[in-house]
C-alpha atoms as a PDB file:
ATOM      1  CA  MET A   1     139.411 247.813 100.419  1.00  0.00           C
ATOM      2  CA  HIS A   2     139.777 247.768  96.714  1.00  0.00           C
ATOM      3  CA  SER A   3     139.018 244.626  94.751  1.00  0.00           C
ATOM      4  CA  LEU A   4     141.412 243.452  91.883  1.00  0.00           C
ATOM      5  CA  SER A   5     138.493 243.342  89.427  1.00  0.00           C
ATOM      6  CA  GLY A   6     137.492 246.838  90.344  1.00  0.00           C
ATOM      7  CA  GLU A   7     141.158 248.170  89.805  1.00  0.00           C
ATOM      8  CA  ILE A   8     141.290 246.440  86.334  1.00  0.00           C
ATOM      9  CA  LYS A   9     138.065 247.901  85.247  1.00  0.00           C
ATOM     10  CA  ALA A  10     139.095 251.414  86.288  1.00  0.00           C
ATOM     11  CA  PHE A  11     142.531 251.055  84.718  1.00  0.00           C
ATOM     12  CA  SER A  12     143.076 253.308  81.751  1.00  0.00           C
ATOM     13  CA  LYS A  13     145.778 252.899  78.999  1.00  0.00           C
ATOM     14  CA  THR A  14     146.573 256.760  79.324  1.00  0.00           C
ATOM     15  CA  ASN A  15     148.161 255.697  82.699  1.00  0.00           C
ATOM     16  CA  LEU A  16     150.807 253.609  80.955  1.00  0.00           C
ATOM     17  CA  ARG A  17     154.241 254.886  80.846  1.00  0.00           C
ATOM     18  CA  LYS A  18     156.024 255.255  77.640  1.00  0.00           C
ATOM     19  CA  GLN A  19     158.473 252.434  76.949  1.00  0.00           C
ATOM     20  CA  CYS A  20     161.689 252.729  74.871  1.00  0.00           C
ATOM     21  CA  THR A  21     163.954 249.864  74.063  1.00  0.00           C
ATOM     22  CA  GLN A  22     167.201 249.851  72.203  1.00  0.00           C
ATOM     23  CA  VAL A  23     168.360 247.000  70.115  1.00  0.00           C
ATOM     24  CA  THR A  24     171.825 246.389  68.656  1.00  0.00           C
ATOM     25  CA  THR A  25     172.038 243.919  65.692  1.00  0.00           C
ATOM     26  CA  LEU A  26     175.022 241.705  65.102  1.00  0.00           C
ATOM     27  CA  SER A  27     176.259 244.188  62.419  1.00  0.00           C
ATOM     28  CA  GLY A  28     176.249 247.039  64.866  1.00  0.00           C
ATOM     29  CA  ARG A  29     173.124 248.711  63.694  1.00  0.00           C
ATOM     30  CA  ARG A  30     171.174 250.425  66.561  1.00  0.00           C
ATOM     31  CA  ILE A  31     167.426 250.484  66.459  1.00  0.00           C
ATOM     32  CA  ILE A  32     165.069 252.286  68.923  1.00  0.00           C
ATOM     33  CA  GLU A  33     161.695 250.691  69.705  1.00  0.00           C
ATOM     34  CA  THR A  34     159.222 253.186  71.400  1.00  0.00           C
ATOM     35  CA  SER A  35     155.751 252.211  72.550  1.00  0.00           C
ATOM     36  CA  ASP A  36     153.179 254.247  74.257  1.00  0.00           C
ATOM     37  CA  GLY A  37     150.778 251.347  74.771  1.00  0.00           C
ATOM     38  CA  SER A  38     148.949 251.509  71.390  1.00  0.00           C
ATOM     39  CA  ILE A  39     151.698 252.241  68.853  1.00  0.00           C
ATOM     40  CA  VAL A  40     155.129 251.050  68.413  1.00  0.00           C
ATOM     41  CA  ASP A  41     157.645 253.262  66.529  1.00  0.00           C
ATOM     42  CA  VAL A  42     160.689 251.865  65.224  1.00  0.00           C
ATOM     43  CA  ILE A  43     163.800 254.046  64.110  1.00  0.00           C
ATOM     44  CA  ASP A  44     167.406 253.824  63.395  1.00  0.00           C
ATOM     45  CA  ASP A  45     169.635 255.444  66.089  1.00  0.00           C
ATOM     46  CA  THR A  46     172.021 257.629  64.390  1.00  0.00           C
ATOM     47  CA  THR A  47     173.251 259.551  67.442  1.00  0.00           C
ATOM     48  CA  GLN A  48     176.323 257.230  67.950  1.00  0.00           C
ATOM     49  CA  PRO A  49     177.430 255.945  64.587  1.00  0.00           C
ATOM     50  CA  GLY A  50     179.978 253.128  64.700  1.00  0.00           C
ATOM     51  CA  MET A  51     179.476 252.608  68.370  1.00  0.00           C
ATOM     52  CA  GLY A  52     178.016 249.652  70.271  1.00  0.00           C
ATOM     53  CA  CYS A  53     178.549 246.735  67.980  1.00  0.00           C
ATOM     54  CA  GLY A  54     176.834 243.657  68.780  1.00  0.00           C
ATOM     55  CA  TYR A  55     179.950 241.576  68.888  1.00  0.00           C
ATOM     56  CA  VAL A  56     183.762 242.383  68.450  1.00  0.00           C
ATOM     57  CA  GLN A  57     185.171 241.411  65.120  1.00  0.00           C
ATOM     58  CA  ASP A  58     188.704 240.104  65.143  1.00  0.00           C
ATOM     59  CA  ASN A  59     190.154 240.623  61.655  1.00  0.00           C
ATOM     60  CA  SER A  60     193.722 240.322  62.651  1.00  0.00           C
ATOM     61  CA  LEU A  61     195.884 237.732  61.018  1.00  0.00           C
ATOM     62  CA  ASP A  62     197.050 234.792  63.082  1.00  0.00           C
ATOM     63  CA  LEU A  63     200.732 234.526  61.677  1.00  0.00           C
ATOM     64  CA  GLN A  64     202.035 232.823  64.844  1.00  0.00           C
ATOM     65  CA  ILE A  65     204.241 229.801  63.879  1.00  0.00           C
ATOM     66  CA  GLY A  66     204.588 226.733  66.301  1.00  0.00           C
ATOM     67  CA  ILE A  67     208.038 225.299  65.757  1.00  0.00           C
ATOM     68  CA  ILE A  68     207.656 221.717  66.690  1.00  0.00           C
ATOM     69  CA  LYS A  69     210.937 220.510  65.202  1.00  0.00           C
ATOM     70  CA  PRO A  70     213.290 222.169  62.788  1.00  0.00           C
ATOM     71  CA  TYR A  71     211.479 220.602  59.904  1.00  0.00           C
ATOM     72  CA  LEU A  72     207.935 220.617  61.350  1.00  0.00           C
ATOM     73  CA  LEU A  73     205.813 223.675  61.926  1.00  0.00           C
ATOM     74  CA  LEU A  74     202.148 224.221  62.982  1.00  0.00           C
ATOM     75  CA  ALA A  75     199.994 227.169  62.115  1.00  0.00           C
ATOM     76  CA  SER A  76     196.649 228.538  60.997  1.00  0.00           C
ATOM     77  CA  GLN A  77     195.603 229.021  57.393  1.00  0.00           C
ATOM     78  CA  ASP A  78     196.545 232.651  57.609  1.00  0.00           C
ATOM     79  CA  ALA A  79     200.179 231.706  57.870  1.00  0.00           C
ATOM     80  CA  ALA A  80     199.864 229.244  55.053  1.00  0.00           C
ATOM     81  CA  GLN A  81     198.422 232.029  52.805  1.00  0.00           C
ATOM     82  CA  ASP A  82     201.286 234.434  53.776  1.00  0.00           C
ATOM     83  CA  LEU A  83     204.071 234.206  51.399  1.00  0.00           C
ATOM     84  CA  ASP A  84     206.446 236.393  53.584  1.00  0.00           C
ATOM     85  CA  THR A  85     205.748 234.177  56.526  1.00  0.00           C
ATOM     86  CA  LEU A  86     206.498 230.878  54.577  1.00  0.00           C
ATOM     87  CA  ARG A  87     209.631 232.243  53.017  1.00  0.00           C
ATOM     88  CA  THR A  88     210.899 233.642  56.517  1.00  0.00           C
ATOM     89  CA  PHE A  89     210.474 229.950  57.907  1.00  0.00           C
ATOM     90  CA  LYS A  90     211.972 228.368  54.849  1.00  0.00           C
ATOM     91  CA  VAL A  91     208.765 226.172  54.243  1.00  0.00           C
ATOM     92  CA  SER A  92     209.027 223.828  51.337  1.00  0.00           C
ATOM     93  CA  HIS A  93     206.123 221.412  52.026  1.00  0.00           C
ATOM     94  CA  ILE A  94     202.506 222.144  53.182  1.00  0.00           C
ATOM     95  CA  LEU A  95     200.145 219.733  54.785  1.00  0.00           C
ATOM     96  CA  ASN A  96     196.572 221.264  54.481  1.00  0.00           C
ATOM     97  CA  VAL A  97     194.141 219.350  56.622  1.00  0.00           C
ATOM     98  CA  ALA A  98     191.483 222.082  56.529  1.00  0.00           C
ATOM     99  CA  TYR A  99     188.056 221.537  54.940  1.00  0.00           C
ATOM    100  CA  GLY A 100     187.471 223.878  51.821  1.00  0.00           C
ATOM    101  CA  VAL A 101     190.640 225.796  52.102  1.00  0.00           C
ATOM    102  CA  GLU A 102     192.486 225.979  48.838  1.00  0.00           C
ATOM    103  CA  ASN A 103     196.256 225.917  48.376  1.00  0.00           C
ATOM    104  CA  THR A 104     197.429 229.274  47.749  1.00  0.00           C
ATOM    105  CA  PHE A 105     200.842 228.735  46.200  1.00  0.00           C
ATOM    106  CA  PRO A 106     200.627 225.362  44.243  1.00  0.00           C
ATOM    107  CA  ASP A 107     203.682 226.332  42.155  1.00  0.00           C
ATOM    108  CA  LEU A 108     205.988 227.353  44.861  1.00  0.00           C
ATOM    109  CA  PHE A 109     205.427 224.521  47.539  1.00  0.00           C
ATOM    110  CA  VAL A 110     204.711 220.750  47.718  1.00  0.00           C
ATOM    111  CA  TYR A 111     201.249 220.173  48.961  1.00  0.00           C
ATOM    112  CA  LYS A 112     199.241 217.487  50.358  1.00  0.00           C
ATOM    113  CA  THR A 113     195.479 218.178  51.084  1.00  0.00           C
ATOM    114  CA  LEU A 114     193.162 216.168  53.249  1.00  0.00           C
ATOM    115  CA  ASN A 115     189.650 217.604  53.745  1.00  0.00           C
ATOM    116  CA  ILE A 116     189.001 216.841  57.395  1.00  0.00           C
ATOM    117  CA  LEU A 117     185.974 218.012  59.467  1.00  0.00           C
ATOM    118  CA  ASP A 118     186.611 219.356  62.774  1.00  0.00           C
ATOM    119  CA  LEU A 119     183.881 217.249  64.409  1.00  0.00           C
ATOM    120  CA  PRO A 120     184.207 215.142  67.499  1.00  0.00           C
ATOM    121  CA  ASP A 121     183.105 212.025  65.714  1.00  0.00           C
ATOM    122  CA  THR A 122     185.521 212.556  62.881  1.00  0.00           C
ATOM    123  CA  VAL A 123     188.050 209.710  63.098  1.00  0.00           C
ATOM    124  CA  ILE A 124     191.201 211.879  63.038  1.00  0.00           C
ATOM    125  CA  THR A 125     193.359 208.976  63.717  1.00  0.00           C
ATOM    126  CA  SER A 126     192.596 207.315  60.499  1.00  0.00           C
ATOM    127  CA  TYR A 127     194.397 210.195  58.731  1.00  0.00           C
ATOM    128  CA  PHE A 128     197.575 209.822  60.909  1.00  0.00           C
ATOM    129  CA  GLN A 129     199.559 207.282  58.758  1.00  0.00           C
ATOM    130  CA  GLU A 130     199.014 209.335  55.469  1.00  0.00           C
ATOM    131  CA  CYS A 131     199.915 212.495  57.307  1.00  0.00           C
ATOM    132  CA  SER A 132     202.932 211.174  58.960  1.00  0.00           C
ATOM    133  CA  GLN A 133     204.212 209.603  55.613  1.00  0.00           C
ATOM    134  CA  PHE A 134     204.122 213.078  54.174  1.00  0.00           C
ATOM    135  CA  ILE A 135     205.851 214.749  57.089  1.00  0.00           C
ATOM    136  CA  ASP A 136     208.563 211.959  56.672  1.00  0.00           C
ATOM    137  CA  ARG A 137     208.972 212.924  53.143  1.00  0.00           C
ATOM    138  CA  ALA A 138     209.663 216.495  53.826  1.00  0.00           C
ATOM    139  CA  LYS A 139     212.253 215.591  56.281  1.00  0.00           C
ATOM    140  CA  ALA A 140     213.960 213.054  54.144  1.00  0.00           C
ATOM    141  CA  GLU A 141     214.006 215.802  51.516  1.00  0.00           C
ATOM    142  CA  ASN A 142     215.741 218.231  53.841  1.00  0.00           C
ATOM    143  CA  GLY A 143     212.712 220.345  53.730  1.00  0.00           C
ATOM    144  CA  VAL A 144     210.492 222.166  56.189  1.00  0.00           C
ATOM    145  CA  LEU A 145     206.885 221.212  56.451  1.00  0.00           C
ATOM    146  CA  LEU A 146     204.028 223.362  57.604  1.00  0.00           C
ATOM    147  CA  VAL A 147     200.932 221.806  58.925  1.00  0.00           C
ATOM    148  CA  HIS A 148     197.695 223.862  59.022  1.00  0.00           C
ATOM    149  CA  CYS A 149     193.921 223.607  59.198  1.00  0.00           C
ATOM    150  CA  ASN A 150     191.689 226.595  59.468  1.00  0.00           C
ATOM    151  CA  ALA A 151     192.530 227.937  62.963  1.00  0.00           C
ATOM    152  CA  GLY A 152     195.508 225.747  63.695  1.00  0.00           C
ATOM    153  CA  VAL A 153     194.138 224.675  66.936  1.00  0.00           C
ATOM    154  CA  SER A 154     192.315 221.265  66.503  1.00  0.00           C
ATOM    155  CA  ARG A 155     192.826 219.142  63.433  1.00  0.00           C
ATOM    156  CA  SER A 156     196.324 220.219  62.480  1.00  0.00           C
ATOM    157  CA  ALA A 157     197.420 220.131  66.157  1.00  0.00           C
ATOM    158  CA  SER A 158     195.877 216.565  66.567  1.00  0.00           C
ATOM    159  CA  VAL A 159     197.908 215.403  63.412  1.00  0.00           C
ATOM    160  CA  VAL A 160     201.100 216.703  64.803  1.00  0.00           C
ATOM    161  CA  ILE A 161     200.525 215.186  68.321  1.00  0.00           C
ATOM    162  CA  GLY A 162     199.812 211.940  66.566  1.00  0.00           C
ATOM    163  CA  TYR A 163     203.074 212.214  64.638  1.00  0.00           C
ATOM    164  CA  LEU A 164     205.160 212.710  67.761  1.00  0.00           C
ATOM    165  CA  MET A 165     203.491 209.784  69.440  1.00  0.00           C
ATOM    166  CA  SER A 166     204.063 207.623  66.413  1.00  0.00           C
ATOM    167  CA  ARG A 167     207.625 208.617  65.353  1.00  0.00           C
ATOM    168  CA  ASP A 168     209.146 209.774  68.696  1.00  0.00           C
ATOM    169  CA  GLY A 169     207.258 207.313  70.926  1.00  0.00           C
ATOM    170  CA  LEU A 170     206.003 210.051  73.204  1.00  0.00           C
ATOM    171  CA  THR A 171     202.913 209.538  75.381  1.00  0.00           C
ATOM    172  CA  PHE A 172     199.872 211.664  74.656  1.00  0.00           C
ATOM    173  CA  ASN A 173     200.618 213.907  77.635  1.00  0.00           C
ATOM    174  CA  GLU A 174     204.339 214.316  76.520  1.00  0.00           C
ATOM    175  CA  ALA A 175     203.205 215.058  72.867  1.00  0.00           C
ATOM    176  CA  PHE A 176     200.392 217.345  73.919  1.00  0.00           C
ATOM    177  CA  ALA A 177     202.798 219.459  76.159  1.00  0.00           C
ATOM    178  CA  SER A 178     205.242 219.701  73.495  1.00  0.00           C
ATOM    179  CA  VAL A 179     202.824 221.004  70.759  1.00  0.00           C
ATOM    180  CA  LYS A 180     201.052 223.276  73.400  1.00  0.00           C
ATOM    181  CA  SER A 181     204.426 224.818  74.201  1.00  0.00           C
ATOM    182  CA  ALA A 182     205.262 225.552  70.704  1.00  0.00           C
ATOM    183  CA  ARG A 183     201.717 226.912  69.808  1.00  0.00           C
ATOM    184  CA  PRO A 184     199.733 227.640  73.051  1.00  0.00           C
ATOM    185  CA  ALA A 185     196.618 228.269  71.174  1.00  0.00           C
ATOM    186  CA  ILE A 186     195.920 224.662  70.329  1.00  0.00           C
ATOM    187  CA  CYS A 187     192.708 223.058  71.531  1.00  0.00           C
ATOM    188  CA  PRO A 188     191.743 219.732  69.903  1.00  0.00           C
ATOM    189  CA  ASN A 189     188.029 219.132  70.144  1.00  0.00           C
ATOM    190  CA  PRO A 190     186.921 216.641  72.740  1.00  0.00           C
ATOM    191  CA  GLY A 191     186.511 213.690  70.306  1.00  0.00           C
ATOM    192  CA  PHE A 192     190.031 214.258  69.031  1.00  0.00           C
ATOM    193  CA  LEU A 193     191.481 214.372  72.514  1.00  0.00           C
ATOM    194  CA  GLU A 194     189.797 211.157  73.380  1.00  0.00           C
ATOM    195  CA  GLN A 195     191.027 209.419  70.278  1.00  0.00           C
ATOM    196  CA  LEU A 196     194.637 210.595  70.996  1.00  0.00           C
ATOM    197  CA  LYS A 197     194.533 209.498  74.578  1.00  0.00           C
ATOM    198  CA  ASN A 198     193.611 206.122  73.251  1.00  0.00           C
ATOM    199  CA  TYR A 199     195.856 206.117  70.205  1.00  0.00           C
ATOM    200  CA  LYS A 200     198.367 203.243  69.864  1.00  0.00           C
ATOM    201  CA  PRO A 201     200.768 203.623  66.977  1.00  0.00           C
ATOM    202  CA  GLN A 202     201.486 200.540  65.011  1.00  0.00           C
ATOM    203  CA  GLY A 203     204.913 199.408  63.824  1.00  0.00           C
ATOM    204  CA  ASP A 204     208.445 200.763  64.434  1.00  0.00           C
ATOM    205  CA  ILE A 205     208.596 204.366  65.363  1.00  0.00           C
ATOM    206  CA  ASN A 206     211.809 204.704  63.725  1.00  0.00           C
ATOM    207  CA  THR A 207     210.698 203.468  60.445  1.00  0.00           C
ATOM    208  CA  ILE A 208     210.088 205.866  57.416  1.00  0.00           C
ATOM    209  CA  THR A 209     207.834 204.869  54.746  1.00  0.00           C
ATOM    210  CA  HIS A 210     209.192 205.862  51.395  1.00  0.00           C
ATOM    211  CA  THR A 211     205.938 205.869  49.582  1.00  0.00           C
ATOM    212  CA  TRP A 212     205.144 209.396  48.644  1.00  0.00           C
ATOM    213  CA  GLU A 213     201.825 210.605  47.418  1.00  0.00           C
ATOM    214  CA  ASN A 214     201.079 214.303  46.569  1.00  0.00           C
END
């Protein structure tokens, strides 16, 4: 019977098997690490150039437009920066509720910009009155307004849901379903969803406030 201590003493590094590890970085670079127990060699793998990216990049534009009402549209920043799309949908006003996204065509459209963070603790409902007034303005001027944030799924969707609850008297479930039907990609963050569920619009839902601010 062999003892463990005896096996350890008798063990030789020459008995170690050569190890080879392939690493793929986020940029898609493949690296091969080879070890024989004492030396580690690191080389770039050029046998399969352009293969095996660490993640799949989606560089396609999101130009899908959610038509909430004839005068109210919902989309991502991609659509808001695509002049052909804006002209196709006869957009005249743009409500930008993204953070750090510049207005691309300030001379062609009427803009309102609110830098809102897509964080659960952001009080999104505190922006509803100002946003709703701007949407009302576009409607009163017989225009078409596009609401967008970055991806068009959380902040802008929440603003539109709040607008429907305020102006049309819809419940949260009704407003959410309506916006989801128009733009299936919407997904307000958990904090926004909770605020919307508890949102109680103030005043007459049919009243339009004629105080415009750009």
